């Protein structure tokens, strides 16, 4: 079978669309996800929209300090057994379970409430989670940037 130039180009385009679609749906490697991650406040804050940035910048000094302390140096540990612990800089911690579904991770706290995140980036040293801001659970820092420690 001989393909003309136009047919070959169309086939290449279709093949590249298929390959890209398949890659974007690829499951996340849990070996990369497990371990302890430290929150990068500055890079996460840099990703907020202008309206949210203004809200953060206009917080009263005490409220702004509390807000920053709630995020800075936050640690998130994903254990291989499907449990997680999130430790805040004030030593308070939240525990629960995590479930991975393709490129989504759902955290279920021991109290029963859940937070769903899209995994935007995952490598051996970098994790970017995007909170699925739906309903009442909107976060000011919707994109969380972590570095593995």
N, C-alpha and C. Protein backbone atom coordinates (compact mmCIF):
# COMPACT_ATOMS: atom_id res chain seq x y z
N UNK A 1 0.83 -1.18 0.00
CA UNK A 1 0.00 0.00 0.00
C UNK A 1 0.88 1.24 0.00
N UNK A 2 0.63 2.15 -0.89
CA UNK A 2 1.41 3.39 -1.01
C UNK A 2 0.53 4.53 -0.54
N UNK A 3 1.08 5.35 0.37
CA UNK A 3 0.35 6.50 0.90
C UNK A 3 0.85 7.76 0.21
N UNK A 4 -0.11 8.61 -0.15
CA UNK A 4 0.34 9.89 -0.67
C UNK A 4 0.70 10.81 0.50
N UNK A 5 1.29 11.92 0.20
CA UNK A 5 1.81 12.83 1.23
C UNK A 5 0.70 13.32 2.16
N UNK A 6 -0.44 13.70 1.63
CA UNK A 6 -1.54 14.21 2.45
C UNK A 6 -2.09 13.13 3.39
N UNK A 7 -2.23 11.92 2.91
CA UNK A 7 -2.72 10.82 3.75
C UNK A 7 -1.73 10.54 4.87
N UNK A 8 -0.46 10.57 4.56
CA UNK A 8 0.57 10.33 5.58
C UNK A 8 0.53 11.41 6.66
N UNK A 9 0.33 12.66 6.28
CA UNK A 9 0.26 13.76 7.24
C UNK A 9 -0.96 13.58 8.15
N UNK A 10 -2.10 13.26 7.57
CA UNK A 10 -3.32 13.04 8.35
C UNK A 10 -3.11 11.91 9.35
N UNK A 11 -2.51 10.82 8.92
CA UNK A 11 -2.25 9.69 9.81
C UNK A 11 -1.31 10.08 10.96
N UNK A 12 -0.29 10.86 10.67
CA UNK A 12 0.63 11.32 11.70
C UNK A 12 -0.07 12.21 12.72
N UNK A 13 -0.93 13.09 12.25
CA UNK A 13 -1.69 13.97 13.16
C UNK A 13 -2.60 13.13 14.05
N UNK A 14 -3.32 12.19 13.46
CA UNK A 14 -4.21 11.34 14.25
C UNK A 14 -3.43 10.51 15.26
N UNK A 15 -2.30 9.98 14.85
CA UNK A 15 -1.47 9.20 15.75
C UNK A 15 -0.96 10.05 16.90
N UNK A 16 -0.53 11.29 16.62
CA UNK A 16 -0.03 12.15 17.69
C UNK A 16 -1.15 12.53 18.66
N UNK A 17 -2.37 12.74 18.16
CA UNK A 17 -3.51 13.02 19.05
C UNK A 17 -3.79 11.82 19.95
N UNK A 18 -3.74 10.64 19.40
CA UNK A 18 -3.98 9.43 20.17
C UNK A 18 -2.90 9.24 21.24
N UNK A 19 -1.66 9.43 20.86
CA UNK A 19 -0.55 9.25 21.80
C UNK A 19 -0.65 10.27 22.92
N UNK A 20 -0.91 11.55 22.60
CA UNK A 20 -1.03 12.58 23.63
C UNK A 20 -2.21 12.31 24.56
N UNK A 21 -3.32 11.88 24.02
CA UNK A 21 -4.49 11.56 24.84
C UNK A 21 -4.17 10.41 25.77
N UNK A 22 -3.53 9.40 25.26
CA UNK A 22 -3.17 8.25 26.09
C UNK A 22 -2.22 8.64 27.20
N UNK A 23 -1.26 9.51 26.93
CA UNK A 23 -0.31 9.94 27.94
C UNK A 23 -1.01 10.73 29.04
N UNK A 24 -1.93 11.62 28.67
CA UNK A 24 -2.58 12.46 29.67
C UNK A 24 -3.48 11.65 30.60
N UNK A 25 -3.91 10.49 30.17
CA UNK A 25 -4.75 9.64 30.99
C UNK A 25 -3.94 8.61 31.78
N UNK A 26 -2.62 8.62 31.61
CA UNK A 26 -1.76 7.64 32.24
C UNK A 26 -1.86 7.73 33.75
N UNK A 27 -1.91 6.61 34.42
CA UNK A 27 -2.02 6.59 35.87
C UNK A 27 -0.73 7.10 36.50
N UNK A 28 -0.86 7.65 37.70
CA UNK A 28 0.27 8.18 38.45
C UNK A 28 0.99 7.03 39.13
N UNK A 29 2.30 7.08 39.16
CA UNK A 29 3.12 6.08 39.83
C UNK A 29 3.10 6.37 41.33
N UNK A 30 2.51 5.48 42.11
CA UNK A 30 2.41 5.70 43.56
C UNK A 30 3.77 5.72 44.24
N UNK A 31 4.79 5.11 43.62
CA UNK A 31 6.13 5.16 44.21
C UNK A 31 6.65 6.60 44.27
N UNK A 32 6.31 7.41 43.29
CA UNK A 32 6.70 8.82 43.32
C UNK A 32 5.92 9.57 44.39
N UNK A 33 4.64 9.23 44.55
CA UNK A 33 3.77 9.98 45.47
C UNK A 33 4.08 9.70 46.93
N UNK A 34 4.39 8.44 47.27
CA UNK A 34 4.64 8.12 48.67
C UNK A 34 5.90 8.81 49.17
N UNK A 35 5.82 9.23 50.42
CA UNK A 35 6.93 9.94 51.06
C UNK A 35 6.43 11.24 51.65
N UNK A 36 7.36 12.05 52.13
CA UNK A 36 7.02 13.31 52.78
C UNK A 36 7.35 14.48 51.87
N UNK A 37 6.40 15.39 51.77
CA UNK A 37 6.50 16.56 50.91
C UNK A 37 6.36 17.81 51.76
N UNK A 38 7.15 18.84 51.48
CA UNK A 38 7.04 20.11 52.19
C UNK A 38 6.44 21.15 51.25
N UNK A 39 5.50 21.91 51.79
CA UNK A 39 4.74 22.90 51.03
C UNK A 39 5.62 24.10 50.70
N UNK A 40 5.54 24.57 49.45
CA UNK A 40 6.26 25.77 49.02
C UNK A 40 5.24 26.90 48.94
N UNK A 41 5.20 27.71 50.00
CA UNK A 41 4.20 28.78 50.11
C UNK A 41 4.35 29.82 49.01
N UNK A 42 5.57 30.27 48.77
CA UNK A 42 5.78 31.36 47.81
C UNK A 42 5.36 30.96 46.39
N UNK A 43 5.74 29.76 45.94
CA UNK A 43 5.37 29.38 44.58
C UNK A 43 3.87 29.08 44.48
N UNK A 44 3.26 28.62 45.56
CA UNK A 44 1.81 28.38 45.56
C UNK A 44 1.05 29.70 45.53
N UNK A 45 1.52 30.66 46.31
CA UNK A 45 0.87 31.98 46.33
C UNK A 45 1.00 32.68 44.98
N UNK A 46 2.12 32.47 44.29
CA UNK A 46 2.35 33.09 42.99
C UNK A 46 1.36 32.62 41.94
N UNK A 47 0.69 31.49 42.17
CA UNK A 47 -0.23 30.91 41.19
C UNK A 47 -1.67 31.40 41.34
N UNK A 48 -1.96 32.20 42.37
CA UNK A 48 -3.34 32.63 42.59
C UNK A 48 -3.73 33.72 41.60
N UNK A 49 -5.03 33.87 41.37
CA UNK A 49 -5.50 34.93 40.48
C UNK A 49 -5.39 36.29 41.18
N UNK A 50 -5.56 37.34 40.43
CA UNK A 50 -5.39 38.70 40.94
C UNK A 50 -6.35 38.99 42.09
N UNK A 51 -7.58 38.59 41.95
CA UNK A 51 -8.59 38.86 42.99
C UNK A 51 -8.19 38.18 44.31
N UNK A 52 -7.74 36.94 44.24
CA UNK A 52 -7.32 36.22 45.45
C UNK A 52 -6.06 36.85 46.03
N UNK A 53 -5.13 37.25 45.18
CA UNK A 53 -3.91 37.90 45.66
C UNK A 53 -4.26 39.18 46.42
N UNK A 54 -5.19 39.95 45.90
CA UNK A 54 -5.63 41.17 46.59
C UNK A 54 -6.26 40.85 47.94
N UNK A 55 -7.06 39.78 48.00
CA UNK A 55 -7.68 39.37 49.26
C UNK A 55 -6.62 39.01 50.29
N UNK A 56 -5.59 38.28 49.86
CA UNK A 56 -4.51 37.89 50.77
C UNK A 56 -3.73 39.13 51.22
N UNK A 57 -3.38 39.99 50.27
CA UNK A 57 -2.61 41.18 50.58
C UNK A 57 -3.37 42.15 51.50
N UNK A 58 -4.70 42.15 51.43
CA UNK A 58 -5.51 43.07 52.23
C UNK A 58 -5.94 42.50 53.58
N UNK A 59 -5.48 41.31 53.92
CA UNK A 59 -5.79 40.77 55.24
C UNK A 59 -5.13 41.63 56.32
N UNK A 60 -5.77 41.70 57.48
CA UNK A 60 -5.16 42.39 58.61
C UNK A 60 -3.86 41.67 58.95
N UNK A 61 -2.94 42.37 59.56
CA UNK A 61 -1.60 41.82 59.83
C UNK A 61 -1.69 40.49 60.58
N UNK A 62 -2.49 40.44 61.65
CA UNK A 62 -2.61 39.20 62.42
C UNK A 62 -3.22 38.07 61.58
N UNK A 63 -4.24 38.39 60.80
CA UNK A 63 -4.88 37.38 59.95
C UNK A 63 -3.93 36.90 58.86
N UNK A 64 -3.16 37.83 58.31
CA UNK A 64 -2.20 37.46 57.26
C UNK A 64 -1.12 36.55 57.83
N UNK A 65 -0.66 36.85 59.03
CA UNK A 65 0.35 36.02 59.69
C UNK A 65 -0.20 34.62 59.93
N UNK A 66 -1.44 34.53 60.42
CA UNK A 66 -2.08 33.22 60.67
C UNK A 66 -2.24 32.45 59.36
N UNK A 67 -2.63 33.16 58.31
CA UNK A 67 -2.80 32.54 57.00
C UNK A 67 -1.48 31.95 56.51
N UNK A 68 -0.43 32.75 56.57
CA UNK A 68 0.89 32.29 56.11
C UNK A 68 1.37 31.12 56.96
N UNK A 69 1.20 31.21 58.27
CA UNK A 69 1.65 30.14 59.16
C UNK A 69 0.88 28.84 58.92
N UNK A 70 -0.36 28.96 58.46
CA UNK A 70 -1.16 27.76 58.18
C UNK A 70 -0.60 26.98 56.99
N UNK A 71 0.09 27.68 56.10
CA UNK A 71 0.62 27.03 54.90
C UNK A 71 2.13 26.81 54.93
N UNK A 72 2.89 27.80 55.40
CA UNK A 72 4.35 27.70 55.36
C UNK A 72 4.83 26.49 56.14
N UNK A 73 5.76 25.76 55.54
CA UNK A 73 6.38 24.58 56.14
C UNK A 73 5.40 23.45 56.47
N UNK A 74 4.25 23.46 55.84
CA UNK A 74 3.30 22.36 55.97
C UNK A 74 3.92 21.12 55.36
N UNK A 75 3.75 20.00 56.01
CA UNK A 75 4.28 18.73 55.49
C UNK A 75 3.11 17.79 55.22
N UNK A 76 3.20 17.11 54.10
CA UNK A 76 2.18 16.14 53.71
C UNK A 76 2.89 14.83 53.42
N UNK A 77 2.52 13.79 54.18
CA UNK A 77 3.15 12.48 54.02
C UNK A 77 2.12 11.49 53.49
N UNK A 78 2.43 10.90 52.34
CA UNK A 78 1.63 9.82 51.77
C UNK A 78 2.32 8.50 52.09
N UNK A 79 1.65 7.65 52.85
CA UNK A 79 2.21 6.34 53.19
C UNK A 79 1.75 5.29 52.19
N UNK A 80 2.56 4.27 51.99
CA UNK A 80 2.27 3.22 51.01
C UNK A 80 1.01 2.44 51.37
N UNK A 81 0.61 2.45 52.65
CA UNK A 81 -0.59 1.71 53.06
C UNK A 81 -1.89 2.47 52.80
N UNK A 82 -1.81 3.64 52.15
CA UNK A 82 -3.01 4.41 51.82
C UNK A 82 -3.42 5.39 52.90
N UNK A 83 -2.57 5.62 53.89
CA UNK A 83 -2.84 6.63 54.90
C UNK A 83 -1.99 7.86 54.63
N UNK A 84 -2.40 8.99 55.19
CA UNK A 84 -1.62 10.21 55.05
C UNK A 84 -1.65 10.98 56.36
N UNK A 85 -0.67 11.85 56.52
CA UNK A 85 -0.63 12.80 57.63
C UNK A 85 -0.22 14.14 57.08
N UNK A 86 -0.94 15.17 57.47
CA UNK A 86 -0.59 16.53 57.10
C UNK A 86 -0.24 17.25 58.39
N UNK A 87 0.99 17.72 58.49
CA UNK A 87 1.45 18.39 59.70
C UNK A 87 1.65 19.86 59.40
N UNK A 88 1.00 20.70 60.22
CA UNK A 88 1.13 22.14 60.05
C UNK A 88 2.33 22.64 60.82
N UNK A 89 2.76 23.87 60.55
CA UNK A 89 3.94 24.41 61.20
C UNK A 89 3.75 24.58 62.71
N UNK A 90 2.49 24.68 63.16
CA UNK A 90 2.23 24.81 64.60
C UNK A 90 2.13 23.44 65.28
N UNK A 91 2.57 22.40 64.58
CA UNK A 91 2.61 21.02 65.08
C UNK A 91 1.25 20.32 65.12
N UNK A 92 0.17 21.01 64.75
CA UNK A 92 -1.12 20.33 64.62
C UNK A 92 -1.06 19.43 63.41
N UNK A 93 -1.77 18.31 63.48
CA UNK A 93 -1.75 17.41 62.33
C UNK A 93 -3.14 16.89 62.02
N UNK A 94 -3.29 16.50 60.77
CA UNK A 94 -4.53 15.93 60.25
C UNK A 94 -4.16 14.60 59.62
N UNK A 95 -4.92 13.57 59.93
CA UNK A 95 -4.64 12.24 59.37
C UNK A 95 -5.86 11.70 58.68
N UNK A 96 -5.63 10.71 57.84
CA UNK A 96 -6.73 10.06 57.15
C UNK A 96 -6.20 9.08 56.12
N UNK A 97 -7.00 8.88 55.09
CA UNK A 97 -6.62 7.97 54.02
C UNK A 97 -6.57 8.73 52.69
N UNK A 98 -5.82 8.16 51.75
CA UNK A 98 -5.76 8.73 50.42
C UNK A 98 -6.03 7.65 49.39
N UNK A 99 -6.68 8.06 48.31
CA UNK A 99 -7.00 7.16 47.20
C UNK A 99 -6.58 7.85 45.91
N UNK A 100 -5.93 7.10 45.07
CA UNK A 100 -5.46 7.62 43.79
C UNK A 100 -6.36 7.09 42.69
N UNK A 101 -6.82 7.99 41.81
CA UNK A 101 -7.65 7.61 40.69
C UNK A 101 -7.14 8.35 39.46
N UNK A 102 -6.33 7.65 38.65
CA UNK A 102 -5.63 8.27 37.51
C UNK A 102 -4.80 9.43 37.99
N UNK A 103 -5.19 10.66 37.65
CA UNK A 103 -4.41 11.83 38.07
C UNK A 103 -5.14 12.63 39.14
N UNK A 104 -5.99 11.98 39.90
CA UNK A 104 -6.67 12.61 41.02
C UNK A 104 -6.29 11.90 42.30
N UNK A 105 -6.12 12.67 43.37
CA UNK A 105 -5.91 12.08 44.68
C UNK A 105 -6.99 12.66 45.60
N UNK A 106 -7.66 11.78 46.32
CA UNK A 106 -8.72 12.18 47.23
C UNK A 106 -8.26 11.87 48.65
N UNK A 107 -8.24 12.92 49.48
CA UNK A 107 -7.87 12.77 50.88
C UNK A 107 -9.14 12.73 51.71
N UNK A 108 -9.28 11.70 52.53
CA UNK A 108 -10.42 11.58 53.44
C UNK A 108 -9.89 11.67 54.86
N UNK A 109 -10.29 12.75 55.55
CA UNK A 109 -9.85 12.95 56.92
C UNK A 109 -10.56 11.97 57.85
N UNK A 110 -9.96 11.72 59.00
CA UNK A 110 -10.56 10.81 59.97
C UNK A 110 -11.96 11.27 60.37
N UNK A 111 -12.22 12.58 60.32
CA UNK A 111 -13.54 13.12 60.65
C UNK A 111 -14.56 12.86 59.55
N UNK A 112 -14.09 12.42 58.37
CA UNK A 112 -15.01 12.07 57.29
C UNK A 112 -15.06 13.04 56.13
N UNK A 113 -14.59 14.28 56.31
CA UNK A 113 -14.63 15.21 55.17
C UNK A 113 -13.52 14.88 54.19
N UNK A 114 -13.74 15.23 52.92
CA UNK A 114 -12.79 14.89 51.87
C UNK A 114 -12.33 16.13 51.12
N UNK A 115 -11.14 16.04 50.55
CA UNK A 115 -10.59 17.06 49.67
C UNK A 115 -10.06 16.33 48.44
N UNK A 116 -10.49 16.79 47.26
CA UNK A 116 -10.05 16.18 46.01
C UNK A 116 -9.07 17.12 45.31
N UNK A 117 -7.99 16.55 44.81
CA UNK A 117 -6.96 17.31 44.12
C UNK A 117 -6.64 16.64 42.79
N UNK A 118 -6.38 17.47 41.80
CA UNK A 118 -5.85 17.01 40.51
C UNK A 118 -4.33 17.08 40.63
N UNK A 119 -3.65 16.00 40.23
CA UNK A 119 -2.20 16.00 40.24
C UNK A 119 -1.75 16.63 38.93
N UNK A 120 -1.24 17.86 39.01
CA UNK A 120 -0.78 18.58 37.82
C UNK A 120 0.63 18.20 37.44
N UNK A 121 1.45 17.89 38.46
CA UNK A 121 2.83 17.52 38.21
C UNK A 121 3.29 16.57 39.31
N UNK A 122 4.02 15.55 38.91
CA UNK A 122 4.60 14.62 39.88
C UNK A 122 5.90 14.08 39.32
N UNK A 123 6.96 14.31 40.08
CA UNK A 123 8.26 13.75 39.73
C UNK A 123 8.88 13.23 41.03
N UNK A 124 10.10 12.79 40.96
CA UNK A 124 10.77 12.27 42.15
C UNK A 124 10.95 13.35 43.22
N UNK A 125 10.95 14.63 42.82
CA UNK A 125 11.21 15.71 43.78
C UNK A 125 10.15 16.80 43.83
N UNK A 126 9.19 16.78 42.92
CA UNK A 126 8.21 17.86 42.82
C UNK A 126 6.79 17.33 42.69
N UNK A 127 5.87 17.97 43.43
CA UNK A 127 4.45 17.60 43.39
C UNK A 127 3.64 18.89 43.33
N UNK A 128 2.72 18.96 42.37
CA UNK A 128 1.81 20.10 42.28
C UNK A 128 0.39 19.54 42.29
N UNK A 129 -0.37 19.96 43.29
CA UNK A 129 -1.76 19.54 43.44
C UNK A 129 -2.67 20.74 43.21
N UNK A 130 -3.74 20.55 42.47
CA UNK A 130 -4.72 21.61 42.22
C UNK A 130 -6.02 21.19 42.89
N UNK A 131 -6.44 21.98 43.88
CA UNK A 131 -7.68 21.66 44.58
C UNK A 131 -8.86 21.88 43.65
N UNK A 132 -9.77 20.94 43.67
CA UNK A 132 -10.97 21.05 42.85
C UNK A 132 -11.97 21.91 43.60
N UNK A 133 -11.84 23.24 43.44
CA UNK A 133 -12.68 24.20 44.16
C UNK A 133 -14.13 24.06 43.71
N UNK A 134 -14.87 23.31 44.49
CA UNK A 134 -16.29 23.09 44.18
C UNK A 134 -17.10 23.35 45.44
N UNK A 135 -18.24 23.97 45.26
CA UNK A 135 -19.15 24.18 46.37
C UNK A 135 -18.55 25.04 47.47
N UNK A 136 -18.70 24.61 48.71
CA UNK A 136 -18.27 25.38 49.87
C UNK A 136 -16.80 25.21 50.19
N UNK A 137 -16.11 24.28 49.54
CA UNK A 137 -14.73 23.97 49.94
C UNK A 137 -13.69 24.71 49.10
N UNK A 138 -13.94 25.99 48.82
CA UNK A 138 -12.99 26.77 48.03
C UNK A 138 -11.81 27.20 48.90
N UNK A 139 -10.62 27.07 48.34
CA UNK A 139 -9.40 27.46 49.05
C UNK A 139 -8.79 28.66 48.38
N UNK A 140 -8.20 29.54 49.20
CA UNK A 140 -7.53 30.71 48.62
C UNK A 140 -6.30 30.29 47.82
N UNK A 141 -5.55 29.32 48.32
CA UNK A 141 -4.42 28.76 47.58
C UNK A 141 -4.88 27.44 46.98
N UNK A 142 -5.41 27.52 45.77
CA UNK A 142 -5.98 26.33 45.15
C UNK A 142 -4.93 25.39 44.56
N UNK A 143 -3.75 25.93 44.26
CA UNK A 143 -2.69 25.11 43.71
C UNK A 143 -1.58 24.99 44.75
N UNK A 144 -1.28 23.75 45.14
CA UNK A 144 -0.29 23.49 46.18
C UNK A 144 0.97 22.94 45.54
N UNK A 145 2.10 23.58 45.78
CA UNK A 145 3.40 23.16 45.26
C UNK A 145 4.23 22.58 46.40
N UNK A 146 4.75 21.38 46.19
CA UNK A 146 5.52 20.69 47.22
C UNK A 146 6.87 20.26 46.66
N UNK A 147 7.83 20.11 47.58
CA UNK A 147 9.12 19.53 47.28
C UNK A 147 9.32 18.33 48.20
N UNK A 148 9.79 17.23 47.65
CA UNK A 148 9.99 16.02 48.46
C UNK A 148 11.21 16.18 49.36
N UNK A 149 11.05 15.75 50.60
CA UNK A 149 12.18 15.83 51.55
C UNK A 149 12.62 14.43 51.95
